[in-house]
Amino acid sequence: MPENVYSPGDSVPQSGVYRVVHRDHRDDHEATLLDGGTFPPCTNCGDQVRFHLQRAAARIHKDSDFESDK
């Protein structure tokens, strides 16, 4: 599988915006996924859906200006 392309059940390695590519039933769209979760199956195309990382984004609490222990 190409780099930065993920399938349902894979762990989300990096928070960010992913392009979601379905089998046949709808156009591509974008979704935000958070690191530590898993990529979900589609209710229509099941495990045939794919996720392509478009833009990585850090969780706000990992930014030093927003840490809660200051």
PDB file of N, CA and C in Angstrom:
ATOM      1  N   MET A   1       0.854  -1.190   0.000  1.00  0.00           N
ATOM      2  CA  MET A   1       0.000   0.000   0.000  1.00  0.00           C
ATOM      3  C   MET A   1       0.895   1.246   0.000  1.00  0.00           C
ATOM      4  N   PRO A   2       0.544   2.288  -0.747  1.00  0.00           N
ATOM      5  CA  PRO A   2       1.348   3.511  -0.783  1.00  0.00           C
ATOM      6  C   PRO A   2       1.473   4.155   0.602  1.00  0.00           C
ATOM      7  N   GLU A   3       2.526   4.914   0.768  1.00  0.00           N
ATOM      8  CA  GLU A   3       2.750   5.622   2.027  1.00  0.00           C
ATOM      9  C   GLU A   3       1.606   6.599   2.296  1.00  0.00           C
ATOM     10  N   ASN A   4       1.230   6.757   3.560  1.00  0.00           N
ATOM     11  CA  ASN A   4       0.159   7.672   3.994  1.00  0.00           C
ATOM     12  C   ASN A   4      -1.224   7.271   3.483  1.00  0.00           C
ATOM     13  N   VAL A   5      -1.422   5.986   3.168  1.00  0.00           N
ATOM     14  CA  VAL A   5      -2.740   5.472   2.798  1.00  0.00           C
ATOM     15  C   VAL A   5      -3.085   4.370   3.795  1.00  0.00           C
ATOM     16  N   TYR A   6      -4.269   4.460   4.380  1.00  0.00           N
ATOM     17  CA  TYR A   6      -4.637   3.572   5.469  1.00  0.00           C
ATOM     18  C   TYR A   6      -5.990   2.916   5.213  1.00  0.00           C
ATOM     19  N   SER A   7      -6.178   1.766   5.850  1.00  0.00           N
ATOM     20  CA  SER A   7      -7.393   0.963   5.714  1.00  0.00           C
ATOM     21  C   SER A   7      -8.104   0.871   7.059  1.00  0.00           C
ATOM     22  N   PRO A   8      -9.394   0.524   7.054  1.00  0.00           N
ATOM     23  CA  PRO A   8     -10.110   0.320   8.312  1.00  0.00           C
ATOM     24  C   PRO A   8      -9.375  -0.698   9.193  1.00  0.00           C
ATOM     25  N   GLY A   9      -9.311  -0.390  10.487  1.00  0.00           N
ATOM     26  CA  GLY A   9      -8.615  -1.244  11.436  1.00  0.00           C
ATOM     27  C   GLY A   9      -7.185  -0.815  11.698  1.00  0.00           C
ATOM     28  N   ASP A  10      -6.574  -0.057  10.759  1.00  0.00           N
ATOM     29  CA  ASP A  10      -5.229   0.467  11.005  1.00  0.00           C
ATOM     30  C   ASP A  10      -5.293   1.520  12.099  1.00  0.00           C
ATOM     31  N   SER A  11      -4.219   1.651  12.858  1.00  0.00           N
ATOM     32  CA  SER A  11      -4.118   2.709  13.862  1.00  0.00           C
ATOM     33  C   SER A  11      -3.880   4.045  13.166  1.00  0.00           C
ATOM     34  N   VAL A  12      -4.508   5.093  13.663  1.00  0.00           N
ATOM     35  CA  VAL A  12      -4.285   6.437  13.126  1.00  0.00           C
ATOM     36  C   VAL A  12      -2.935   6.909  13.670  1.00  0.00           C
ATOM     37  N   PRO A  13      -1.917   7.055  12.810  1.00  0.00           N
ATOM     38  CA  PRO A  13      -0.577   7.372  13.286  1.00  0.00           C
ATOM     39  C   PRO A  13      -0.366   8.842  13.615  1.00  0.00           C
ATOM     40  N   GLN A  14      -1.190   9.698  13.021  1.00  0.00           N
ATOM     41  CA  GLN A  14      -0.965  11.135  13.135  1.00  0.00           C
ATOM     42  C   GLN A  14      -2.302  11.850  13.018  1.00  0.00           C
ATOM     43  N   SER A  15      -2.551  12.771  13.939  1.00  0.00           N
ATOM     44  CA  SER A  15      -3.766  13.583  13.836  1.00  0.00           C
ATOM     45  C   SER A  15      -3.681  14.439  12.581  1.00  0.00           C
ATOM     46  N   GLY A  16      -4.823  14.628  11.937  1.00  0.00           N
ATOM     47  CA  GLY A  16      -4.821  15.474  10.762  1.00  0.00           C
ATOM     48  C   GLY A  16      -6.068  15.308   9.932  1.00  0.00           C
ATOM     49  N   VAL A  17      -6.025  15.917   8.770  1.00  0.00           N
ATOM     50  CA  VAL A  17      -7.127  15.853   7.818  1.00  0.00           C
ATOM     51  C   VAL A  17      -6.793  14.772   6.794  1.00  0.00           C
ATOM     52  N   TYR A  18      -7.720  13.840   6.628  1.00  0.00           N
ATOM     53  CA  TYR A  18      -7.550  12.728   5.713  1.00  0.00           C
ATOM     54  C   TYR A  18      -8.585  12.808   4.601  1.00  0.00           C
ATOM     55  N   ARG A  19      -8.161  12.471   3.376  1.00  0.00           N
ATOM     56  CA  ARG A  19      -9.109  12.319   2.274  1.00  0.00           C
ATOM     57  C   ARG A  19      -9.665  10.905   2.379  1.00  0.00           C
ATOM     58  N   VAL A  20     -10.986  10.804   2.375  1.00  0.00           N
ATOM     59  CA  VAL A  20     -11.664   9.528   2.512  1.00  0.00           C
ATOM     60  C   VAL A  20     -12.157   9.112   1.123  1.00  0.00           C
ATOM     61  N   VAL A  21     -11.698   7.947   0.657  1.00  0.00           N
ATOM     62  CA  VAL A  21     -12.025   7.463  -0.679  1.00  0.00           C
ATOM     63  C   VAL A  21     -12.877   6.203  -0.538  1.00  0.00           C
ATOM     64  N   HIS A  22     -14.134   6.290  -0.982  1.00  0.00           N
ATOM     65  CA  HIS A  22     -15.077   5.181  -0.900  1.00  0.00           C
ATOM     66  C   HIS A  22     -15.035   4.358  -2.177  1.00  0.00           C
ATOM     67  N   ARG A  23     -15.586   3.168  -2.115  1.00  0.00           N
ATOM     68  CA  ARG A  23     -15.578   2.223  -3.249  1.00  0.00           C
ATOM     69  C   ARG A  23     -16.349   2.787  -4.445  1.00  0.00           C
ATOM     70  N   ASP A  24     -17.656   2.973  -4.323  1.00  0.00           N
ATOM     71  CA  ASP A  24     -18.451   3.424  -5.468  1.00  0.00           C
ATOM     72  C   ASP A  24     -19.617   4.334  -5.104  1.00  0.00           C
ATOM     73  N   HIS A  25     -19.996   4.387  -3.864  1.00  0.00           N
ATOM     74  CA  HIS A  25     -21.278   4.988  -3.519  1.00  0.00           C
ATOM     75  C   HIS A  25     -21.256   6.487  -3.244  1.00  0.00           C
ATOM     76  N   ARG A  26     -20.091   7.121  -3.107  1.00  0.00           N
ATOM     77  CA  ARG A  26     -20.057   8.579  -2.911  1.00  0.00           C
ATOM     78  C   ARG A  26     -18.707   9.135  -3.300  1.00  0.00           C
ATOM     79  N   ASP A  27     -18.677  10.450  -3.486  1.00  0.00           N
ATOM     80  CA  ASP A  27     -17.433  11.131  -3.836  1.00  0.00           C
ATOM     81  C   ASP A  27     -16.488  11.168  -2.646  1.00  0.00           C
ATOM     82  N   ASP A  28     -15.205  11.408  -2.939  1.00  0.00           N
ATOM     83  CA  ASP A  28     -14.213  11.589  -1.883  1.00  0.00           C
ATOM     84  C   ASP A  28     -14.619  12.771  -1.012  1.00  0.00           C
ATOM     85  N   HIS A  29     -14.214  12.739   0.232  1.00  0.00           N
ATOM     86  CA  HIS A  29     -14.454  13.863   1.143  1.00  0.00           C
ATOM     87  C   HIS A  29     -13.330  13.893   2.163  1.00  0.00           C
ATOM     88  N   GLU A  30     -13.281  14.920   2.983  1.00  0.00           N
ATOM     89  CA  GLU A  30     -12.253  15.034   4.003  1.00  0.00           C
ATOM     90  C   GLU A  30     -12.852  14.820   5.381  1.00  0.00           C
ATOM     91  N   ALA A  31     -12.016  14.285   6.286  1.00  0.00           N
ATOM     92  CA  ALA A  31     -12.423  14.075   7.675  1.00  0.00           C
ATOM     93  C   ALA A  31     -11.205  14.258   8.565  1.00  0.00           C
ATOM     94  N   THR A  32     -11.435  14.702   9.769  1.00  0.00           N
ATOM     95  CA  THR A  32     -10.380  14.850  10.764  1.00  0.00           C
ATOM     96  C   THR A  32     -10.337  13.600  11.626  1.00  0.00           C
ATOM     97  N   LEU A  33      -9.168  13.018  11.757  1.00  0.00           N
ATOM     98  CA  LEU A  33      -8.970  11.850  12.612  1.00  0.00           C
ATOM     99  C   LEU A  33      -7.857  12.151  13.598  1.00  0.00           C
ATOM    100  N   LEU A  34      -7.959  11.594  14.796  1.00  0.00           N
ATOM    101  CA  LEU A  34      -6.993  11.855  15.855  1.00  0.00           C
ATOM    102  C   LEU A  34      -6.089  10.659  16.083  1.00  0.00           C
ATOM    103  N   ASP A  35      -4.799  10.961  16.325  1.00  0.00           N
ATOM    104  CA  ASP A  35      -3.841   9.890  16.599  1.00  0.00           C
ATOM    105  C   ASP A  35      -4.294   9.072  17.807  1.00  0.00           C
ATOM    106  N   GLY A  36      -3.974   7.797  17.762  1.00  0.00           N
ATOM    107  CA  GLY A  36      -4.352   6.906  18.839  1.00  0.00           C
ATOM    108  C   GLY A  36      -5.650   6.154  18.588  1.00  0.00           C
ATOM    109  N   GLY A  37      -6.441   6.616  17.625  1.00  0.00           N
ATOM    110  CA  GLY A  37      -7.676   5.923  17.273  1.00  0.00           C
ATOM    111  C   GLY A  37      -7.417   4.908  16.173  1.00  0.00           C
ATOM    112  N   THR A  38      -8.485   4.362  15.631  1.00  0.00           N
ATOM    113  CA  THR A  38      -8.360   3.454  14.494  1.00  0.00           C
ATOM    114  C   THR A  38      -9.229   3.962  13.352  1.00  0.00           C
ATOM    115  N   PHE A  39      -8.812   3.665  12.130  1.00  0.00           N
ATOM    116  CA  PHE A  39      -9.596   4.034  10.964  1.00  0.00           C
ATOM    117  C   PHE A  39     -10.830   3.139  10.919  1.00  0.00           C
ATOM    118  N   PRO A  40     -12.011   3.747  10.773  1.00  0.00           N
ATOM    119  CA  PRO A  40     -13.246   2.956  10.817  1.00  0.00           C
ATOM    120  C   PRO A  40     -13.641   2.414   9.443  1.00  0.00           C
ATOM    121  N   PRO A  41     -14.439   1.331   9.442  1.00  0.00           N
ATOM    122  CA  PRO A  41     -15.027   0.871   8.186  1.00  0.00           C
ATOM    123  C   PRO A  41     -16.187   1.788   7.813  1.00  0.00           C
ATOM    124  N   CYS A  42     -16.544   1.792   6.554  1.00  0.00           N
ATOM    125  CA  CYS A  42     -17.705   2.538   6.066  1.00  0.00           C
ATOM    126  C   CYS A  42     -18.949   1.661   6.227  1.00  0.00           C
ATOM    127  N   THR A  43     -20.075   2.262   6.561  1.00  0.00           N
ATOM    128  CA  THR A  43     -21.303   1.482   6.698  1.00  0.00           C
ATOM    129  C   THR A  43     -21.817   0.963   5.355  1.00  0.00           C
ATOM    130  N   ASN A  44     -21.333   1.551   4.248  1.00  0.00           N
ATOM    131  CA  ASN A  44     -21.753   1.094   2.921  1.00  0.00           C
ATOM    132  C   ASN A  44     -20.700   0.236   2.216  1.00  0.00           C
ATOM    133  N   CYS A  45     -19.465   0.703   2.155  1.00  0.00           N
ATOM    134  CA  CYS A  45     -18.451  -0.054   1.408  1.00  0.00           C
ATOM    135  C   CYS A  45     -17.495  -0.817   2.325  1.00  0.00           C
ATOM    136  N   GLY A  46     -17.764  -0.821   3.611  1.00  0.00           N
ATOM    137  CA  GLY A  46     -17.018  -1.641   4.559  1.00  0.00           C
ATOM    138  C   GLY A  46     -15.531  -1.384   4.563  1.00  0.00           C
ATOM    139  N   ASP A  47     -14.758  -2.448   4.389  1.00  0.00           N
ATOM    140  CA  ASP A  47     -13.302  -2.354   4.439  1.00  0.00           C
ATOM    141  C   ASP A  47     -12.681  -1.866   3.137  1.00  0.00           C
ATOM    142  N   GLN A  48     -13.501  -1.510   2.149  1.00  0.00           N
ATOM    143  CA  GLN A  48     -12.983  -1.018   0.876  1.00  0.00           C
ATOM    144  C   GLN A  48     -12.642   0.473   0.911  1.00  0.00           C
ATOM    145  N   VAL A  49     -13.039   1.178   1.969  1.00  0.00           N
ATOM    146  CA  VAL A  49     -12.738   2.604   2.099  1.00  0.00           C
ATOM    147  C   VAL A  49     -11.250   2.773   2.420  1.00  0.00           C
ATOM    148  N   ARG A  50     -10.654   3.864   1.930  1.00  0.00           N
ATOM    149  CA  ARG A  50      -9.249   4.173   2.182  1.00  0.00           C
ATOM    150  C   ARG A  50      -9.124   5.607   2.688  1.00  0.00           C
ATOM    151  N   PHE A  51      -8.073   5.841   3.457  1.00  0.00           N
ATOM    152  CA  PHE A  51      -7.812   7.134   4.076  1.00  0.00           C
ATOM    153  C   PHE A  51      -6.420   7.595   3.669  1.00  0.00           C
ATOM    154  N   HIS A  52      -6.335   8.805   3.122  1.00  0.00           N
ATOM    155  CA  HIS A  52      -5.073   9.372   2.640  1.00  0.00           C
ATOM    156  C   HIS A  52      -4.771  10.628   3.452  1.00  0.00           C
ATOM    157  N   LEU A  53      -3.639  10.653   4.135  1.00  0.00           N
ATOM    158  CA  LEU A  53      -3.271  11.832   4.919  1.00  0.00           C
ATOM    159  C   LEU A  53      -3.047  13.018   3.985  1.00  0.00           C
ATOM    160  N   GLN A  54      -3.768  14.102   4.225  1.00  0.00           N
ATOM    161  CA  GLN A  54      -3.638  15.324   3.421  1.00  0.00           C
ATOM    162  C   GLN A  54      -2.819  16.383   4.151  1.00  0.00           C
ATOM    163  N   ARG A  55      -3.154  16.595   5.427  1.00  0.00           N
ATOM    164  CA  ARG A  55      -2.468  17.607   6.233  1.00  0.00           C
ATOM    165  C   ARG A  55      -2.386  17.112   7.670  1.00  0.00           C
ATOM    166  N   ALA A  56      -1.172  16.979   8.167  1.00  0.00           N
ATOM    167  CA  ALA A  56      -0.989  16.610   9.569  1.00  0.00           C
ATOM    168  C   ALA A  56      -1.296  17.819  10.440  1.00  0.00           C
ATOM    169  N   ALA A  57      -1.789  17.554  11.635  1.00  0.00           N
ATOM    170  CA  ALA A  57      -2.089  18.633  12.583  1.00  0.00           C
ATOM    171  C   ALA A  57      -1.894  18.100  13.991  1.00  0.00           C
ATOM    172  N   ALA A  58      -1.196  18.871  14.810  1.00  0.00           N
ATOM    173  CA  ALA A  58      -0.964  18.466  16.200  1.00  0.00           C
ATOM    174  C   ALA A  58      -2.191  18.763  17.051  1.00  0.00           C
ATOM    175  N   ARG A  59      -2.411  17.919  18.048  1.00  0.00           N
ATOM    176  CA  ARG A  59      -3.468  18.210  19.017  1.00  0.00           C
ATOM    177  C   ARG A  59      -3.070  19.461  19.788  1.00  0.00           C
ATOM    178  N   ILE A  60      -4.030  20.307  20.089  1.00  0.00           N
ATOM    179  CA  ILE A  60      -3.743  21.602  20.712  1.00  0.00           C
ATOM    180  C   ILE A  60      -3.035  21.448  22.058  1.00  0.00           C
ATOM    181  N   HIS A  61      -3.384  20.439  22.827  1.00  0.00           N
ATOM    182  CA  HIS A  61      -2.761  20.293  24.142  1.00  0.00           C
ATOM    183  C   HIS A  61      -1.302  19.851  24.066  1.00  0.00           C
ATOM    184  N   LYS A  62      -0.822  19.495  22.869  1.00  0.00           N
ATOM    185  CA  LYS A  62       0.592  19.162  22.695  1.00  0.00           C
ATOM    186  C   LYS A  62       1.426  20.394  22.327  1.00  0.00           C
ATOM    187  N   ASP A  63       0.793  21.521  22.112  1.00  0.00           N
ATOM    188  CA  ASP A  63       1.475  22.780  21.811  1.00  0.00           C
ATOM    189  C   ASP A  63       1.890  23.429  23.128  1.00  0.00           C
ATOM    190  N   SER A  64       3.138  23.865  23.216  1.00  0.00           N
ATOM    191  CA  SER A  64       3.657  24.405  24.487  1.00  0.00           C
ATOM    192  C   SER A  64       2.886  25.619  24.973  1.00  0.00           C
ATOM    193  N   ASP A  65       2.246  26.376  24.100  1.00  0.00           N
ATOM    194  CA  ASP A  65       1.463  27.546  24.528  1.00  0.00           C
ATOM    195  C   ASP A  65       0.130  27.163  25.141  1.00  0.00           C
ATOM    196  N   PHE A  66      -0.264  25.885  25.030  1.00  0.00           N
ATOM    197  CA  PHE A  66      -1.558  25.461  25.529  1.00  0.00           C
ATOM    198  C   PHE A  66      -1.474  24.320  26.543  1.00  0.00           C
ATOM    199  N   GLU A  67      -0.279  23.997  26.989  1.00  0.00           N
ATOM    200  CA  GLU A  67      -0.114  22.943  27.980  1.00  0.00           C
ATOM    201  C   GLU A  67      -0.800  23.356  29.283  1.00  0.00           C
ATOM    202  N   SER A  68      -1.451  22.410  29.910  1.00  0.00           N
ATOM    203  CA  SER A  68      -2.227  22.732  31.119  1.00  0.00           C
ATOM    204  C   SER A  68      -1.398  22.760  32.388  1.00  0.00           C
ATOM    205  N   ASP A  69      -0.139  22.341  32.359  1.00  0.00           N
ATOM    206  CA  ASP A  69       0.669  22.281  33.573  1.00  0.00           C
ATOM    207  C   ASP A  69       1.569  23.498  33.761  1.00  0.00           C
ATOM    208  N   LYS A  70       1.236  24.614  33.124  1.00  0.00           N
ATOM    209  CA  LYS A  70       2.018  25.857  33.277  1.00  0.00           C
ATOM    210  C   LYS A  70       1.626  26.572  34.544  1.00  0.00           C
TER     211      LYS A  70
END
